[in-house]
Amino acid sequence: MNDYMISIIKNDEDIVGFIDIDISKMHYAGGIKNIETKIVKLYERGLKGIKIHLQNLGVNGDDWRLLPIYRLAGELNIPVMIHCYPGSSPGLIENSHPKYIEKIVRVFHKTSFIIAHFGGVPYFNLMPWLNYDNVYFETSGVLPIFKKNIGIEKVKLIFEEIGYDKIFFGSDFPTEYIDIQIDIMREVVNKENLKYVFSENIKKFGRQFNWWKK
């Protein structure tokens, strides 16, 4: 996966690649040091963030094997994107619970975190509790189900409480159609903040990590 991502970013400097991690051997002798070395090498090869997919890994957000990774991300000055959406086997619904994520974003306050999928329907109302200075939120794949199960007005309230400057538009295409999600975002966010949610926020965020040369 990581080698494939590196091949992609070599051909398009506008694409930002994140590191996919494997924690299955971290309990071996030297396991923590080995994964730290691997992350540093991938960073040096051009990947500029780390993706933690809790359900794929089958662990909670505060699992001991993830703690060195959160620390190292802060030291390298690269962000961590955490999958926060119940489901997605082989893991459990519980893996993405914000009560675990809250611990790590508070402890690792020098690391920047992106909460992917805005918590999904079950955890959406808890997102303001994760709204620390080092935490941002993205919307990939969830706007249609939010509209259906939560309603536009409630989504507006949560977005406003968090602050439009902390929100990134994401699509999760082809899981959900991009055009549909854009239309729903226009229902949720007022015109003066749309440009920030769609592009300006992520560009400002990326400049902290030298994502783009432009």
C-alpha atoms as a PDB file:
ATOM      1  CA  MET A   1       0.000   0.000   0.000  1.00  0.00           C
ATOM      2  CA  ASN A   2       2.708   2.505   0.958  1.00  0.00           C
ATOM      3  CA  ASP A   3       4.847   1.733  -2.097  1.00  0.00           C
ATOM      4  CA  TYR A   4       1.789   2.240  -4.306  1.00  0.00           C
ATOM      5  CA  MET A   5       1.062   5.589  -2.651  1.00  0.00           C
ATOM      6  CA  ILE A   6       4.644   6.708  -3.170  1.00  0.00           C
ATOM      7  CA  SER A   7       4.364   5.848  -6.872  1.00  0.00           C
ATOM      8  CA  ILE A   8       1.234   8.012  -7.087  1.00  0.00           C
ATOM      9  CA  ILE A   9       2.702  11.106  -5.459  1.00  0.00           C
ATOM     10  CA  LYS A  10       5.786  10.911  -7.663  1.00  0.00           C
ATOM     11  CA  ASN A  11       3.539  11.497 -10.678  1.00  0.00           C
ATOM     12  CA  ASP A  12       1.353  14.220  -9.136  1.00  0.00           C
ATOM     13  CA  GLU A  13       2.785  16.678  -6.620  1.00  0.00           C
ATOM     14  CA  ASP A  14      -0.709  17.925  -5.716  1.00  0.00           C
ATOM     15  CA  ILE A  15      -1.611  14.560  -4.137  1.00  0.00           C
ATOM     16  CA  VAL A  16      -0.685  14.144  -0.478  1.00  0.00           C
ATOM     17  CA  GLY A  17       0.077  10.582   0.555  1.00  0.00           C
ATOM     18  CA  PHE A  18      -0.458   9.193   4.056  1.00  0.00           C
ATOM     19  CA  ILE A  19       1.361   6.289   5.664  1.00  0.00           C
ATOM     20  CA  ASP A  20      -0.626   3.094   6.194  1.00  0.00           C
ATOM     21  CA  ILE A  21       0.557   1.298   9.330  1.00  0.00           C
ATOM     22  CA  ASP A  22       0.729  -2.345  10.392  1.00  0.00           C
ATOM     23  CA  ILE A  23       0.911  -2.880  14.159  1.00  0.00           C
ATOM     24  CA  SER A  24       0.641  -6.685  14.073  1.00  0.00           C
ATOM     25  CA  LYS A  25       4.309  -7.226  15.017  1.00  0.00           C
ATOM     26  CA  MET A  26       4.766  -4.415  17.527  1.00  0.00           C
ATOM     27  CA  HIS A  27       4.687  -6.840  20.442  1.00  0.00           C
ATOM     28  CA  TYR A  28       7.780  -8.593  19.087  1.00  0.00           C
ATOM     29  CA  ALA A  29      11.212  -7.734  20.483  1.00  0.00           C
ATOM     30  CA  GLY A  30      12.207  -4.431  18.874  1.00  0.00           C
ATOM     31  CA  GLY A  31       8.731  -4.043  17.355  1.00  0.00           C
ATOM     32  CA  ILE A  32       8.230  -0.428  18.410  1.00  0.00           C
ATOM     33  CA  LYS A  33      11.630   0.631  17.151  1.00  0.00           C
ATOM     34  CA  ASN A  34      11.051  -1.182  13.867  1.00  0.00           C
ATOM     35  CA  ILE A  35       7.769   0.557  13.088  1.00  0.00           C
ATOM     36  CA  GLU A  36       9.226   3.922  14.062  1.00  0.00           C
ATOM     37  CA  THR A  37      12.120   3.342  11.666  1.00  0.00           C
ATOM     38  CA  LYS A  38       9.715   2.331   8.909  1.00  0.00           C
ATOM     39  CA  ILE A  39       7.580   5.451   9.414  1.00  0.00           C
ATOM     40  CA  VAL A  40      10.626   7.716   9.253  1.00  0.00           C
ATOM     41  CA  LYS A  41      11.777   6.067   6.014  1.00  0.00           C
ATOM     42  CA  LEU A  42       8.327   6.435   4.437  1.00  0.00           C
ATOM     43  CA  TYR A  43       8.245  10.066   5.509  1.00  0.00           C
ATOM     44  CA  GLU A  44      11.644  10.615   3.894  1.00  0.00           C
ATOM     45  CA  ARG A  45      10.271   9.038   0.696  1.00  0.00           C
ATOM     46  CA  GLY A  46       7.542  11.659   0.519  1.00  0.00           C
ATOM     47  CA  LEU A  47       4.524  10.524   2.550  1.00  0.00           C
ATOM     48  CA  LYS A  48       3.296  13.404   4.682  1.00  0.00           C
ATOM     49  CA  GLY A  49       0.808  12.042   7.189  1.00  0.00           C
ATOM     50  CA  ILE A  50      -0.290   8.854   8.981  1.00  0.00           C
ATOM     51  CA  LYS A  51      -3.664   7.131   8.640  1.00  0.00           C
ATOM     52  CA  ILE A  52      -4.944   5.173  11.644  1.00  0.00           C
ATOM     53  CA  HIS A  53      -7.878   3.000  10.576  1.00  0.00           C
ATOM     54  CA  LEU A  54      -9.007   1.637  13.917  1.00  0.00           C
ATOM     55  CA  GLN A  55     -11.442  -0.957  12.563  1.00  0.00           C
ATOM     56  CA  ASN A  56      -8.909  -2.320  10.088  1.00  0.00           C
ATOM     57  CA  LEU A  57      -6.367  -2.608  12.893  1.00  0.00           C
ATOM     58  CA  GLY A  58      -8.955  -4.032  15.298  1.00  0.00           C
ATOM     59  CA  VAL A  59      -7.940  -1.800  18.218  1.00  0.00           C
ATOM     60  CA  ASN A  60      -9.245   1.181  20.156  1.00  0.00           C
ATOM     61  CA  GLY A  61      -7.790   4.625  19.630  1.00  0.00           C
ATOM     62  CA  ASP A  62      -5.789   4.536  22.857  1.00  0.00           C
ATOM     63  CA  ASP A  63      -4.230   1.099  22.279  1.00  0.00           C
ATOM     64  CA  TRP A  64      -0.628   0.986  23.605  1.00  0.00           C
ATOM     65  CA  ARG A  65       0.752   0.073  20.172  1.00  0.00           C
ATOM     66  CA  LEU A  66      -0.499   3.350  18.722  1.00  0.00           C
ATOM     67  CA  LEU A  67       1.031   5.619  21.371  1.00  0.00           C
ATOM     68  CA  PRO A  68       4.579   5.641  19.911  1.00  0.00           C
ATOM     69  CA  ILE A  69       3.088   6.465  16.508  1.00  0.00           C
ATOM     70  CA  TYR A  70       1.170   9.471  17.820  1.00  0.00           C
ATOM     71  CA  ARG A  71       4.339  10.715  19.539  1.00  0.00           C
ATOM     72  CA  LEU A  72       6.505  10.221  16.460  1.00  0.00           C
ATOM     73  CA  ALA A  73       4.023  12.070  14.247  1.00  0.00           C
ATOM     74  CA  GLY A  74       4.372  15.114  16.473  1.00  0.00           C
ATOM     75  CA  GLU A  75       8.156  14.876  16.358  1.00  0.00           C
ATOM     76  CA  LEU A  76       8.147  14.624  12.553  1.00  0.00           C
ATOM     77  CA  ASN A  77       5.524  17.389  12.290  1.00  0.00           C
ATOM     78  CA  ILE A  78       3.084  15.321  10.265  1.00  0.00           C
ATOM     79  CA  PRO A  79      -0.643  14.940  11.037  1.00  0.00           C
ATOM     80  CA  VAL A  80      -2.523  11.800  12.008  1.00  0.00           C
ATOM     81  CA  MET A  81      -5.881  10.999  10.422  1.00  0.00           C
ATOM     82  CA  ILE A  82      -8.028   8.752  12.611  1.00  0.00           C
ATOM     83  CA  HIS A  83     -10.911   6.735  11.199  1.00  0.00           C
ATOM     84  CA  CYS A  84     -13.916   7.616  13.352  1.00  0.00           C
ATOM     85  CA  TYR A  85     -16.891   5.783  11.909  1.00  0.00           C
ATOM     86  CA  PRO A  86     -18.488   2.734  13.539  1.00  0.00           C
ATOM     87  CA  GLY A  87     -18.329  -0.497  11.603  1.00  0.00           C
ATOM     88  CA  SER A  88     -15.876  -1.581   8.896  1.00  0.00           C
ATOM     89  CA  SER A  89     -14.840  -5.102   9.887  1.00  0.00           C
ATOM     90  CA  PRO A  90     -12.678  -6.861  11.011  1.00  0.00           C
ATOM     91  CA  GLY A  91     -12.807  -4.420  13.934  1.00  0.00           C
ATOM     92  CA  LEU A  92     -15.719  -3.514  16.205  1.00  0.00           C
ATOM     93  CA  ILE A  93     -18.065  -0.525  16.552  1.00  0.00           C
ATOM     94  CA  GLU A  94     -16.337   0.268  19.841  1.00  0.00           C
ATOM     95  CA  ASN A  95     -12.920   0.809  18.215  1.00  0.00           C
ATOM     96  CA  SER A  96     -13.832   4.289  16.925  1.00  0.00           C
ATOM     97  CA  HIS A  97     -15.502   5.545  20.109  1.00  0.00           C
ATOM     98  CA  PRO A  98     -14.516   9.163  20.866  1.00  0.00           C
ATOM     99  CA  LYS A  99     -13.866   8.302  24.526  1.00  0.00           C
ATOM    100  CA  TYR A 100     -10.638   6.644  23.395  1.00  0.00           C
ATOM    101  CA  ILE A 101      -9.741   9.311  20.872  1.00  0.00           C
ATOM    102  CA  GLU A 102     -10.268  12.076  23.443  1.00  0.00           C
ATOM    103  CA  LYS A 103      -7.465  10.643  25.575  1.00  0.00           C
ATOM    104  CA  ILE A 104      -4.887  10.664  22.824  1.00  0.00           C
ATOM    105  CA  VAL A 105      -5.657  14.100  21.367  1.00  0.00           C
ATOM    106  CA  ARG A 106      -5.287  15.570  24.851  1.00  0.00           C
ATOM    107  CA  VAL A 107      -2.109  13.706  25.775  1.00  0.00           C
ATOM    108  CA  PHE A 108      -0.417  14.192  22.398  1.00  0.00           C
ATOM    109  CA  HIS A 109      -1.256  17.874  22.166  1.00  0.00           C
ATOM    110  CA  LYS A 110       1.795  18.571  19.989  1.00  0.00           C
ATOM    111  CA  THR A 111       0.440  16.255  17.298  1.00  0.00           C
ATOM    112  CA  SER A 112      -2.251  17.414  14.846  1.00  0.00           C
ATOM    113  CA  PHE A 113      -5.208  15.082  14.317  1.00  0.00           C
ATOM    114  CA  ILE A 114      -7.867  14.867  11.618  1.00  0.00           C
ATOM    115  CA  ILE A 115     -11.053  13.039  12.632  1.00  0.00           C
ATOM    116  CA  ALA A 116     -12.177  11.237   9.473  1.00  0.00           C
ATOM    117  CA  HIS A 117     -15.874  10.769   8.679  1.00  0.00           C
ATOM    118  CA  PHE A 118     -16.969  13.146  11.474  1.00  0.00           C
ATOM    119  CA  GLY A 119     -17.803  10.247  13.795  1.00  0.00           C
ATOM    120  CA  GLY A 120     -20.581   8.796  11.662  1.00  0.00           C
ATOM    121  CA  VAL A 121     -24.175   8.965  12.873  1.00  0.00           C
ATOM    122  CA  PRO A 122     -23.637   7.271  16.286  1.00  0.00           C
ATOM    123  CA  TYR A 123     -20.773   9.565  17.340  1.00  0.00           C
ATOM    124  CA  PHE A 124     -21.621  12.785  15.507  1.00  0.00           C
ATOM    125  CA  ASN A 125     -23.091  14.491  18.580  1.00  0.00           C
ATOM    126  CA  LEU A 126     -19.874  13.770  20.506  1.00  0.00           C
ATOM    127  CA  MET A 127     -17.580  15.525  18.027  1.00  0.00           C
ATOM    128  CA  PRO A 128     -17.565  18.866  19.912  1.00  0.00           C
ATOM    129  CA  TRP A 129     -15.963  17.006  22.830  1.00  0.00           C
ATOM    130  CA  LEU A 130     -12.959  16.303  20.604  1.00  0.00           C
ATOM    131  CA  ASN A 131     -12.662  19.907  19.459  1.00  0.00           C
ATOM    132  CA  TYR A 132      -9.244  20.729  20.892  1.00  0.00           C
ATOM    133  CA  ASP A 133      -6.777  23.134  19.306  1.00  0.00           C
ATOM    134  CA  ASN A 134      -4.874  20.274  17.628  1.00  0.00           C
ATOM    135  CA  VAL A 135      -7.963  18.555  16.189  1.00  0.00           C
ATOM    136  CA  TYR A 136      -9.703  19.022  12.823  1.00  0.00           C
ATOM    137  CA  PHE A 137     -12.657  17.243  11.236  1.00  0.00           C
ATOM    138  CA  GLU A 138     -13.420  15.961   7.745  1.00  0.00           C
ATOM    139  CA  THR A 139     -16.660  14.886   6.121  1.00  0.00           C
ATOM    140  CA  SER A 140     -15.831  12.104   3.660  1.00  0.00           C
ATOM    141  CA  GLY A 141     -18.751   9.864   2.822  1.00  0.00           C
ATOM    142  CA  VAL A 142     -21.087  10.905   5.644  1.00  0.00           C
ATOM    143  CA  LEU A 143     -23.100  13.901   4.462  1.00  0.00           C
ATOM    144  CA  PRO A 144     -25.886  11.878   2.757  1.00  0.00           C
ATOM    145  CA  ILE A 145     -26.439   9.704   5.826  1.00  0.00           C
ATOM    146  CA  PHE A 146     -26.247  12.766   8.102  1.00  0.00           C
ATOM    147  CA  LYS A 147     -28.962  14.469   6.067  1.00  0.00           C
ATOM    148  CA  LYS A 148     -31.154  11.374   6.196  1.00  0.00           C
ATOM    149  CA  ASN A 149     -30.699  10.364   9.841  1.00  0.00           C
ATOM    150  CA  ILE A 150     -29.729  13.573  11.654  1.00  0.00           C
ATOM    151  CA  GLY A 151     -31.160  16.375   9.558  1.00  0.00           C
ATOM    152  CA  ILE A 152     -29.621  19.509   8.056  1.00  0.00           C
ATOM    153  CA  GLU A 153     -30.451  21.802  10.975  1.00  0.00           C
ATOM    154  CA  LYS A 154     -28.767  19.561  13.564  1.00  0.00           C
ATOM    155  CA  VAL A 155     -25.704  19.175  11.336  1.00  0.00           C
ATOM    156  CA  LYS A 156     -25.540  22.975  11.046  1.00  0.00           C
ATOM    157  CA  LEU A 157     -25.588  23.333  14.834  1.00  0.00           C
ATOM    158  CA  ILE A 158     -22.700  20.912  15.350  1.00  0.00           C
ATOM    159  CA  PHE A 159     -20.663  22.467  12.527  1.00  0.00           C
ATOM    160  CA  GLU A 160     -21.188  25.926  14.007  1.00  0.00           C
ATOM    161  CA  GLU A 161     -20.245  24.740  17.490  1.00  0.00           C
ATOM    162  CA  ILE A 162     -17.004  23.230  16.203  1.00  0.00           C
ATOM    163  CA  GLY A 163     -16.246  26.185  13.927  1.00  0.00           C
ATOM    164  CA  TYR A 164     -16.141  26.221  10.146  1.00  0.00           C
ATOM    165  CA  ASP A 165     -12.386  26.881  10.237  1.00  0.00           C
ATOM    166  CA  LYS A 166     -11.845  23.374  11.676  1.00  0.00           C
ATOM    167  CA  ILE A 167     -13.781  21.469   8.980  1.00  0.00           C
ATOM    168  CA  PHE A 168     -12.470  19.929   5.734  1.00  0.00           C
ATOM    169  CA  PHE A 169     -14.686  18.674   2.916  1.00  0.00           C
ATOM    170  CA  GLY A 170     -13.972  15.062   1.987  1.00  0.00           C
ATOM    171  CA  SER A 171     -15.765  12.757  -0.438  1.00  0.00           C
ATOM    172  CA  ASP A 172     -14.700   9.110   0.100  1.00  0.00           C
ATOM    173  CA  PHE A 173     -15.426   8.693  -3.625  1.00  0.00           C
ATOM    174  CA  PRO A 174     -16.488   6.260  -5.064  1.00  0.00           C
ATOM    175  CA  THR A 175     -18.254   5.159  -1.861  1.00  0.00           C
ATOM    176  CA  GLU A 176     -20.477   8.229  -2.229  1.00  0.00           C
ATOM    177  CA  TYR A 177     -20.936  10.524  -5.215  1.00  0.00           C
ATOM    178  CA  ILE A 178     -18.988  13.778  -4.933  1.00  0.00           C
ATOM    179  CA  ASP A 179     -21.686  15.978  -6.512  1.00  0.00           C
ATOM    180  CA  ILE A 180     -24.315  14.840  -4.008  1.00  0.00           C
ATOM    181  CA  GLN A 181     -22.012  15.624  -1.094  1.00  0.00           C
ATOM    182  CA  ILE A 182     -21.167  19.048  -2.513  1.00  0.00           C
ATOM    183  CA  ASP A 183     -24.883  19.857  -2.796  1.00  0.00           C
ATOM    184  CA  ILE A 184     -25.527  18.800   0.804  1.00  0.00           C
ATOM    185  CA  MET A 185     -22.564  20.845   2.038  1.00  0.00           C
ATOM    186  CA  ARG A 186     -24.098  23.879   0.339  1.00  0.00           C
ATOM    187  CA  GLU A 187     -27.265  23.269   2.378  1.00  0.00           C
ATOM    188  CA  VAL A 188     -25.309  23.074   5.625  1.00  0.00           C
ATOM    189  CA  VAL A 189     -22.689  25.810   5.304  1.00  0.00           C
ATOM    190  CA  ASN A 190     -23.436  29.468   4.571  1.00  0.00           C
ATOM    191  CA  LYS A 191     -21.951  31.020   1.433  1.00  0.00           C
ATOM    192  CA  GLU A 192     -19.253  33.023   3.200  1.00  0.00           C
ATOM    193  CA  ASN A 193     -17.764  29.883   4.757  1.00  0.00           C
ATOM    194  CA  LEU A 194     -18.100  27.477   1.836  1.00  0.00           C
ATOM    195  CA  LYS A 195     -14.751  28.380   0.288  1.00  0.00           C
ATOM    196  CA  TYR A 196     -13.023  27.657   3.586  1.00  0.00           C
ATOM    197  CA  VAL A 197     -14.660  24.270   4.093  1.00  0.00           C
ATOM    198  CA  PHE A 198     -14.129  23.239   0.460  1.00  0.00           C
ATOM    199  CA  SER A 199     -10.522  24.378   0.027  1.00  0.00           C
ATOM    200  CA  GLU A 200      -9.066  27.223   2.074  1.00  0.00           C
ATOM    201  CA  ASN A 201      -8.997  25.355   5.392  1.00  0.00           C
ATOM    202  CA  ILE A 202      -7.135  22.349   4.040  1.00  0.00           C
ATOM    203  CA  LYS A 203      -4.678  24.542   2.137  1.00  0.00           C
ATOM    204  CA  LYS A 204      -3.922  26.503   5.298  1.00  0.00           C
ATOM    205  CA  PHE A 205      -3.614  23.273   7.269  1.00  0.00           C
ATOM    206  CA  GLY A 206      -1.313  21.707   4.665  1.00  0.00           C
ATOM    207  CA  ARG A 207       1.063  24.665   4.683  1.00  0.00           C
ATOM    208  CA  GLN A 208       1.980  23.766   8.270  1.00  0.00           C
ATOM    209  CA  PHE A 209       3.377  20.477   6.992  1.00  0.00           C
ATOM    210  CA  ASN A 210       4.834  21.584   3.649  1.00  0.00           C
ATOM    211  CA  TRP A 211       2.310  19.541   1.726  1.00  0.00           C
ATOM    212  CA  TRP A 212       2.553  21.663  -1.391  1.00  0.00           C
ATOM    213  CA  LYS A 213       5.345  23.686  -2.945  1.00  0.00           C
ATOM    214  CA  LYS A 214       2.967  26.297  -4.345  1.00  0.00           C
END
